[in-house]
Amino acid sequence: MGDPPRVHDSAVTPFHTAPQHGPRPLPLFLEMLRTQTAQSPERLRVALAGLAAYQAADRGPRRRLGGVKHRRGRVRLRAYGGSGTPVMVVPSLINPPFILDLARQQSMLRWLAAKGHRVFLVDWGTPDASVRDMDVADHVSRLLLPLIARLPEPPLLMGYCLGGTMAAAAACLTPVAGLAMVAAPWRFGGFDVAARARIADLWKTAQPACAAMGLVPMEVLQAGFWQLDPKRTIAKYEAFAVMEPGSPEARSFVALEDWANAGAPLTYAAGAQIFEGMFADDVTGTNRWTITGRPIDLDELTCPTVDFVSLHDRIVPAASAAGFADRRELAAGHVGMIVGRGARTQLWEPLDHWISQTLKAR
């Protein structure tokens, strides 16, 4: 059977002495850990050591995002330099935007700006219960479109995950120079039937409390993500336990886990529209989504479009993509395509080329 993995000394710091960085929600993670390692006390020991090491890891100076160029309520448009036609990057509402600017060597935004593009990032900020009735459509009409209007010319939009869904809607409502969707769901009927059933059950359980709060806490969404692949969720902490502390690999793990365990809540109406309107009823994929009374139909787009679709995406399956004629298929995961080892060759460089060619052809 071989020797057990060597756990670094720093990885066995007593859990109770470590700062609580995550995972969130921790009780659910610990229950999942217990279930996944029920037949192996050694695996449990190693995974707990990995968890303690993650809790205690030195995170260094806080990462700063680009400076604020414009504001619209709680939302900020952050600038990353460059020149020419604006390239506005729209992240998901569900996780923090800094996955696109994770670290010095893992920043798609700074890399694109270094290529000469004039890059902006939408930072959705943190809602409170006073805006509980603002659904996803309202985020497009009341926040995203006014920011687009503040730019000196129509931007090229690039949207990641749910941000791609929202960017596509914006492109249907206002002139833009182009639209790139990256790992973005549109045809929610393309999600696995079992996955949609689990998501429906999750919302059925969480909905009453969310309605009372006026918000959908990040922990509700995280629980859904973990259910997609609980084995992998635990295995990555086992792997972290034996990484060299402070190594590039270990620092990358900590940065990614901090991102995955961060995130503002959704407004209640946005959560309800995602769970009920999108996952349950597929209003986007069946052309029944309307914003300010206008139907959102991607077939009516006149701007250049491209869809970067991952064939290894556990979060947004390839079958849920918009179906643009220009479809680029990647062999990477949902997050790996943005910050993984192969991200530059698989996504950054093709995206840079498409942006350049699109803007040059105008």
Protein backbone atom coordinates (compact mmCIF):
# COMPACT_ATOMS: atom_id res chain seq x y z
CA MET A 1 0.00 0.00 0.00
CA GLY A 2 3.02 2.30 0.30
CA ASP A 3 3.90 4.91 2.88
CA PRO A 4 1.31 7.52 3.90
CA PRO A 5 1.83 11.00 2.44
CA ARG A 6 4.31 13.16 4.31
CA VAL A 7 2.39 15.98 5.94
CA HIS A 8 4.48 19.12 6.49
CA ASP A 9 4.83 20.21 10.09
CA SER A 10 3.13 23.54 9.44
CA ALA A 11 0.10 21.65 8.17
CA VAL A 12 -0.73 20.15 11.55
CA THR A 13 -1.22 23.39 13.43
CA PRO A 14 -4.15 22.85 15.82
CA PHE A 15 -7.26 23.83 13.93
CA HIS A 16 -8.67 25.92 16.76
CA THR A 17 -5.67 28.26 16.71
CA ALA A 18 -6.02 29.15 13.02
CA PRO A 19 -7.91 32.17 11.66
CA GLN A 20 -11.20 31.19 10.08
CA HIS A 21 -10.62 31.86 6.38
CA GLY A 22 -13.02 29.16 5.23
CA PRO A 23 -14.25 26.92 3.80
CA ARG A 24 -17.75 28.40 4.00
CA PRO A 25 -20.01 27.01 5.34
CA LEU A 26 -17.53 25.20 7.55
CA PRO A 27 -20.01 22.82 9.29
CA LEU A 28 -21.19 21.52 5.92
CA PHE A 29 -17.60 21.08 4.76
CA LEU A 30 -16.72 19.12 7.90
CA GLU A 31 -19.75 16.87 7.46
CA MET A 32 -18.79 16.27 3.84
CA LEU A 33 -15.24 15.55 4.97
CA ARG A 34 -16.49 13.00 7.51
CA THR A 35 -18.62 11.26 4.88
CA GLN A 36 -15.94 11.18 2.19
CA THR A 37 -13.25 9.79 4.52
CA ALA A 38 -15.46 7.45 6.56
CA GLN A 39 -13.50 4.37 5.46
CA SER A 40 -10.04 5.88 5.89
CA PRO A 41 -8.88 7.49 9.14
CA GLU A 42 -5.59 8.33 7.41
CA ARG A 43 -7.34 10.29 4.68
CA LEU A 44 -9.28 12.14 7.37
CA ARG A 45 -6.05 13.01 9.18
CA VAL A 46 -4.38 14.30 6.03
CA ALA A 47 -7.41 16.31 4.89
CA LEU A 48 -7.73 17.94 8.34
CA ALA A 49 -4.04 18.78 8.21
CA GLY A 50 -4.59 20.38 4.81
CA LEU A 51 -7.53 22.34 6.19
CA ALA A 52 -5.48 23.59 9.15
CA ALA A 53 -2.60 24.54 6.85
CA TYR A 54 -4.95 26.50 4.64
CA GLN A 55 -6.41 28.30 7.63
CA ALA A 56 -2.97 29.30 8.90
CA ALA A 57 -1.28 30.09 5.56
CA ASP A 58 0.53 33.41 5.18
CA ARG A 59 -1.44 35.41 2.63
CA GLY A 60 1.00 38.28 2.26
CA PRO A 61 -0.11 41.81 1.30
CA ARG A 62 -3.70 42.23 0.25
CA ARG A 63 -4.21 42.16 -3.51
CA ARG A 64 -5.38 45.48 -4.96
CA LEU A 65 -7.71 45.59 -7.93
CA GLY A 66 -7.62 48.31 -10.58
CA GLY A 67 -8.49 51.88 -9.65
CA VAL A 68 -12.10 53.04 -9.78
CA LYS A 69 -12.99 54.92 -12.97
CA HIS A 70 -16.78 55.16 -12.59
CA ARG A 71 -19.42 54.25 -10.01
CA ARG A 72 -23.08 53.33 -10.24
CA GLY A 73 -24.54 52.78 -6.81
CA ARG A 74 -22.58 49.98 -5.13
CA VAL A 75 -20.98 48.95 -8.43
CA ARG A 76 -17.55 50.17 -9.51
CA LEU A 77 -15.89 50.12 -12.90
CA ARG A 78 -12.19 49.47 -12.39
CA ALA A 79 -9.55 50.51 -14.93
CA TYR A 80 -6.49 48.44 -15.84
CA GLY A 81 -4.82 50.74 -18.34
CA GLY A 82 -4.27 50.27 -22.05
CA SER A 83 -5.65 52.39 -24.85
CA GLY A 84 -8.18 52.35 -27.68
CA THR A 85 -11.65 50.85 -27.65
CA PRO A 86 -12.73 49.87 -24.12
CA VAL A 87 -12.84 46.17 -23.30
CA MET A 88 -15.33 45.78 -20.44
CA VAL A 89 -15.03 42.52 -18.49
CA VAL A 90 -18.19 41.42 -16.69
CA PRO A 91 -17.70 38.81 -13.93
CA SER A 92 -20.35 36.68 -12.30
CA LEU A 93 -22.55 37.99 -9.52
CA ILE A 94 -21.90 34.79 -7.60
CA ASN A 95 -18.17 35.00 -6.83
CA PRO A 96 -15.79 37.95 -6.32
CA PRO A 97 -14.34 39.56 -9.46
CA PHE A 98 -10.71 39.09 -8.42
CA ILE A 99 -10.46 35.64 -10.06
CA LEU A 100 -9.71 37.70 -13.18
CA ASP A 101 -6.87 39.48 -11.35
CA LEU A 102 -5.81 36.79 -8.91
CA ALA A 103 -2.05 37.27 -8.64
CA ARG A 104 0.89 38.77 -10.49
CA GLN A 105 1.30 35.76 -12.78
CA GLN A 106 -2.40 34.88 -12.78
CA SER A 107 -4.11 38.06 -13.95
CA MET A 108 -5.88 37.87 -17.27
CA LEU A 109 -6.85 41.53 -16.95
CA ARG A 110 -3.33 42.86 -16.48
CA TRP A 111 -2.05 40.57 -19.23
CA LEU A 112 -4.65 41.89 -21.69
CA ALA A 113 -3.85 45.47 -20.68
CA ALA A 114 -0.14 44.76 -21.26
CA LYS A 115 -1.13 43.67 -24.77
CA GLY A 116 -2.45 47.18 -25.33
CA HIS A 117 -6.15 46.72 -24.72
CA ARG A 118 -8.01 49.32 -22.68
CA VAL A 119 -9.39 47.03 -19.99
CA PHE A 120 -12.15 47.71 -17.46
CA LEU A 121 -13.58 45.37 -14.81
CA VAL A 122 -17.08 45.52 -13.39
CA ASP A 123 -16.98 45.10 -9.59
CA TRP A 124 -20.53 44.36 -8.41
CA GLY A 125 -19.89 45.34 -4.79
CA THR A 126 -21.96 44.10 -1.85
CA PRO A 127 -25.76 44.43 -1.82
CA ASP A 128 -27.92 44.69 1.26
CA ALA A 129 -31.57 43.90 1.92
CA SER A 130 -32.67 47.38 0.80
CA VAL A 131 -32.27 46.19 -2.82
CA ARG A 132 -33.84 42.79 -2.26
CA ASP A 133 -36.14 43.23 -5.30
CA MET A 134 -33.32 43.82 -7.80
CA ASP A 135 -33.17 40.72 -9.99
CA VAL A 136 -30.55 39.79 -12.59
CA ALA A 137 -32.39 41.76 -15.28
CA ASP A 138 -32.30 44.85 -13.04
CA HIS A 139 -28.56 44.43 -12.59
CA VAL A 140 -28.26 44.66 -16.36
CA SER A 141 -30.64 47.57 -16.90
CA ARG A 142 -29.96 49.66 -13.79
CA LEU A 143 -26.24 49.01 -13.22
CA LEU A 144 -24.46 47.54 -16.24
CA LEU A 145 -26.04 49.61 -19.02
CA PRO A 146 -25.42 52.95 -17.26
CA LEU A 147 -21.75 52.03 -16.80
CA ILE A 148 -21.49 51.17 -20.50
CA ALA A 149 -23.00 54.57 -21.28
CA ARG A 150 -20.24 56.30 -19.25
CA LEU A 151 -17.53 55.02 -21.59
CA PRO A 152 -16.34 57.23 -24.48
CA GLU A 153 -17.44 54.69 -27.10
CA PRO A 154 -19.29 51.36 -27.21
CA PRO A 155 -17.07 48.76 -25.56
CA LEU A 156 -16.29 45.21 -26.48
CA LEU A 157 -17.88 43.08 -23.77
CA MET A 158 -16.30 39.96 -22.33
CA GLY A 159 -18.39 38.10 -19.76
CA TYR A 160 -17.32 35.21 -17.54
CA CYS A 161 -19.78 32.66 -16.13
CA LEU A 162 -23.07 34.39 -15.21
CA GLY A 163 -21.34 37.63 -16.19
CA GLY A 164 -21.37 36.31 -19.75
CA THR A 165 -25.11 35.77 -19.54
CA MET A 166 -25.52 39.36 -18.37
CA ALA A 167 -23.09 40.75 -20.95
CA ALA A 168 -25.04 39.00 -23.70
CA ALA A 169 -28.25 40.61 -22.46
CA ALA A 170 -26.57 44.03 -22.43
CA ALA A 171 -25.36 43.48 -26.00
CA CYS A 172 -28.99 42.92 -27.03
CA LEU A 173 -29.99 46.24 -25.48
CA THR A 174 -27.22 48.67 -26.44
CA PRO A 175 -24.61 48.96 -29.22
CA VAL A 176 -21.32 47.20 -28.41
CA ALA A 177 -18.17 46.53 -30.43
CA GLY A 178 -18.32 42.77 -29.82
CA LEU A 179 -19.31 40.09 -27.35
CA ALA A 180 -17.11 37.31 -25.96
CA MET A 181 -18.79 34.80 -23.65
CA VAL A 182 -16.45 32.69 -21.51
CA ALA A 183 -17.78 29.62 -19.66
CA ALA A 184 -21.14 31.36 -19.69
CA PRO A 185 -24.48 29.55 -19.38
CA TRP A 186 -27.34 30.51 -21.67
CA ARG A 187 -29.29 27.32 -22.43
CA PHE A 188 -29.95 26.14 -18.88
CA GLY A 189 -31.79 23.15 -20.27
CA GLY A 190 -28.32 21.88 -21.19
CA PHE A 191 -27.50 21.23 -17.54
CA ASP A 192 -27.73 17.63 -16.43
CA VAL A 193 -31.23 16.67 -15.26
CA ALA A 194 -29.91 15.37 -11.94
CA ALA A 195 -27.92 18.58 -11.38
CA ARG A 196 -30.99 20.72 -12.02
CA ALA A 197 -32.96 18.56 -9.58
CA ARG A 198 -30.31 19.04 -6.86
CA ILE A 199 -30.30 22.79 -7.49
CA ALA A 200 -34.11 22.85 -7.22
CA ASP A 201 -33.97 20.96 -3.91
CA LEU A 202 -31.32 23.34 -2.60
CA TRP A 203 -33.47 26.36 -3.42
CA LYS A 204 -36.59 24.76 -1.94
CA THR A 205 -34.74 24.36 1.35
CA ALA A 206 -33.04 27.77 1.36
CA GLN A 207 -35.77 29.95 -0.14
CA PRO A 208 -37.82 30.72 3.01
CA ALA A 209 -34.79 31.94 4.97
CA CYS A 210 -33.48 33.88 1.98
CA ALA A 211 -36.86 35.56 1.52
CA ALA A 212 -36.85 36.57 5.18
CA MET A 213 -33.33 38.04 4.91
CA GLY A 214 -33.82 39.66 1.51
CA LEU A 215 -30.52 38.14 0.45
CA VAL A 216 -29.12 34.81 -0.73
CA PRO A 217 -25.94 34.21 1.31
CA MET A 218 -22.84 32.96 -0.45
CA GLU A 219 -22.99 29.82 1.70
CA VAL A 220 -26.18 28.70 -0.06
CA LEU A 221 -24.47 28.85 -3.44
CA GLN A 222 -21.28 27.24 -2.15
CA ALA A 223 -23.28 24.28 -0.87
CA GLY A 224 -24.60 23.78 -4.39
CA PHE A 225 -21.11 23.93 -5.91
CA TRP A 226 -19.76 21.36 -3.44
CA GLN A 227 -22.55 18.94 -4.30
CA LEU A 228 -21.32 18.85 -7.89
CA ASP A 229 -18.10 17.07 -6.91
CA PRO A 230 -17.67 16.39 -3.16
CA LYS A 231 -14.81 13.93 -3.72
CA ARG A 232 -12.69 16.55 -5.46
CA THR A 233 -13.54 19.16 -2.81
CA ILE A 234 -11.99 16.96 -0.12
CA ALA A 235 -9.16 15.58 -2.25
CA LYS A 236 -7.72 19.03 -2.94
CA TYR A 237 -7.24 19.61 0.80
CA GLU A 238 -5.48 16.26 1.06
CA ALA A 239 -3.18 17.39 -1.73
CA PHE A 240 -2.55 20.74 -0.05
CA ALA A 241 -1.42 19.02 3.15
CA VAL A 242 1.67 17.66 1.39
CA MET A 243 2.56 20.76 -0.64
CA GLU A 244 5.69 22.65 0.29
CA PRO A 245 4.53 25.65 2.36
CA GLY A 246 5.04 28.91 0.49
CA SER A 247 5.66 27.19 -2.84
CA PRO A 248 4.04 28.70 -5.97
CA GLU A 249 1.66 25.75 -6.03
CA ALA A 250 0.66 26.28 -2.39
CA ARG A 251 0.24 30.05 -2.82
CA SER A 252 -1.97 29.46 -5.84
CA PHE A 253 -4.12 27.01 -3.86
CA VAL A 254 -4.61 29.51 -1.03
CA ALA A 255 -5.47 32.36 -3.41
CA LEU A 256 -8.01 30.23 -5.26
CA GLU A 257 -9.62 28.90 -2.09
CA ASP A 258 -9.84 32.40 -0.64
CA TRP A 259 -11.63 33.45 -3.83
CA ALA A 260 -13.96 30.44 -3.74
CA ASN A 261 -14.83 31.09 -0.09
CA ALA A 262 -15.36 34.82 -0.49
CA GLY A 263 -18.17 36.54 -2.27
CA ALA A 264 -21.03 38.86 -1.48
CA PRO A 265 -24.60 37.64 -1.11
CA LEU A 266 -27.04 37.92 -3.98
CA THR A 267 -30.12 40.05 -3.71
CA TYR A 268 -33.12 37.85 -3.03
CA ALA A 269 -34.71 38.62 -6.42
CA ALA A 270 -31.47 37.83 -8.28
CA GLY A 271 -31.20 34.48 -6.50
CA ALA A 272 -34.83 33.69 -7.22
CA GLN A 273 -34.42 34.55 -10.89
CA ILE A 274 -31.33 32.34 -11.18
CA PHE A 275 -32.88 29.36 -9.41
CA GLU A 276 -36.43 29.66 -10.69
CA GLY A 277 -36.29 31.58 -13.96
CA MET A 278 -33.01 30.25 -15.32
CA PHE A 279 -32.32 26.81 -13.88
CA ALA A 280 -35.93 25.69 -13.52
CA ASP A 281 -37.59 27.41 -16.51
CA ASP A 282 -34.64 28.17 -18.85
CA VAL A 283 -36.05 31.57 -19.74
CA THR A 284 -32.81 32.57 -21.46
CA GLY A 285 -32.42 29.48 -23.63
CA THR A 286 -36.07 29.56 -24.69
CA ASN A 287 -36.05 33.29 -25.56
CA ARG A 288 -38.52 34.20 -22.79
CA TRP A 289 -36.24 36.52 -20.83
CA THR A 290 -37.25 40.18 -21.03
CA ILE A 291 -35.50 43.24 -19.64
CA THR A 292 -37.40 46.53 -19.38
CA GLY A 293 -40.05 44.93 -21.56
CA ARG A 294 -37.66 44.00 -24.35
CA PRO A 295 -37.09 40.34 -25.29
CA ILE A 296 -33.50 39.10 -25.11
CA ASP A 297 -32.83 37.05 -28.25
CA LEU A 298 -29.20 36.31 -29.12
CA ASP A 299 -30.19 35.51 -32.71
CA GLU A 300 -30.80 39.23 -33.20
CA LEU A 301 -27.27 40.28 -32.22
CA THR A 302 -25.48 42.19 -34.97
CA CYS A 303 -22.10 42.59 -33.27
CA PRO A 304 -19.25 40.05 -33.65
CA THR A 305 -19.59 37.19 -31.16
CA VAL A 306 -17.45 34.35 -29.87
CA ASP A 307 -18.06 31.67 -27.26
CA PHE A 308 -15.20 30.06 -25.31
CA VAL A 309 -16.57 26.76 -24.02
CA SER A 310 -14.81 24.32 -21.71
CA LEU A 311 -15.38 20.63 -22.34
CA HIS A 312 -14.15 19.85 -18.80
CA ASP A 313 -16.34 22.37 -16.96
CA ARG A 314 -18.13 20.88 -13.93
CA ILE A 315 -19.89 24.16 -13.14
CA VAL A 316 -21.18 25.31 -16.55
CA PRO A 317 -21.48 22.36 -18.96
CA ALA A 318 -20.69 22.86 -22.63
CA ALA A 319 -24.27 21.95 -23.52
CA SER A 320 -25.49 25.14 -21.83
CA ALA A 321 -23.48 27.48 -24.08
CA ALA A 322 -25.17 30.07 -26.27
CA GLY A 323 -24.48 28.30 -29.55
CA PHE A 324 -22.62 31.03 -31.47
CA ALA A 325 -21.19 30.08 -34.84
CA ASP A 326 -17.70 30.99 -33.56
CA ARG A 327 -17.28 28.45 -30.75
CA ARG A 328 -13.84 27.78 -29.26
CA GLU A 329 -13.61 24.57 -27.24
CA LEU A 330 -11.09 24.31 -24.40
CA ALA A 331 -9.78 21.36 -22.41
CA ALA A 332 -9.82 23.13 -19.04
CA GLY A 333 -12.00 23.49 -15.98
CA HIS A 334 -14.30 26.39 -15.16
CA VAL A 335 -11.65 28.14 -13.06
CA GLY A 336 -8.59 26.58 -14.67
CA MET A 337 -9.41 28.24 -17.97
CA ILE A 338 -8.97 31.61 -16.24
CA VAL A 339 -5.99 31.01 -13.92
CA GLY A 340 -4.67 27.49 -14.58
CA ARG A 341 -1.27 26.57 -16.01
CA GLY A 342 -2.69 26.34 -19.51
CA ALA A 343 -4.90 29.44 -19.25
CA ARG A 344 -2.59 31.67 -21.28
CA THR A 345 -2.38 29.38 -24.30
CA GLN A 346 -5.93 28.05 -24.13
CA LEU A 347 -7.85 31.26 -23.38
CA TRP A 348 -5.83 34.45 -22.92
CA GLU A 349 -3.99 34.33 -26.24
CA PRO A 350 -6.99 33.29 -28.39
CA LEU A 351 -9.12 35.93 -26.64
CA ASP A 352 -6.47 38.59 -27.24
CA HIS A 353 -6.31 37.62 -30.92
CA TRP A 354 -10.10 37.70 -31.29
CA ILE A 355 -10.36 41.11 -29.60
CA SER A 356 -7.57 42.52 -31.78
CA GLN A 357 -9.03 41.18 -35.01
CA THR A 358 -12.56 42.28 -34.08
CA LEU A 359 -11.53 45.82 -33.28
CA LYS A 360 -9.23 46.03 -36.31
CA ALA A 361 -12.10 45.06 -38.63
CA ARG A 362 -14.35 47.88 -37.43
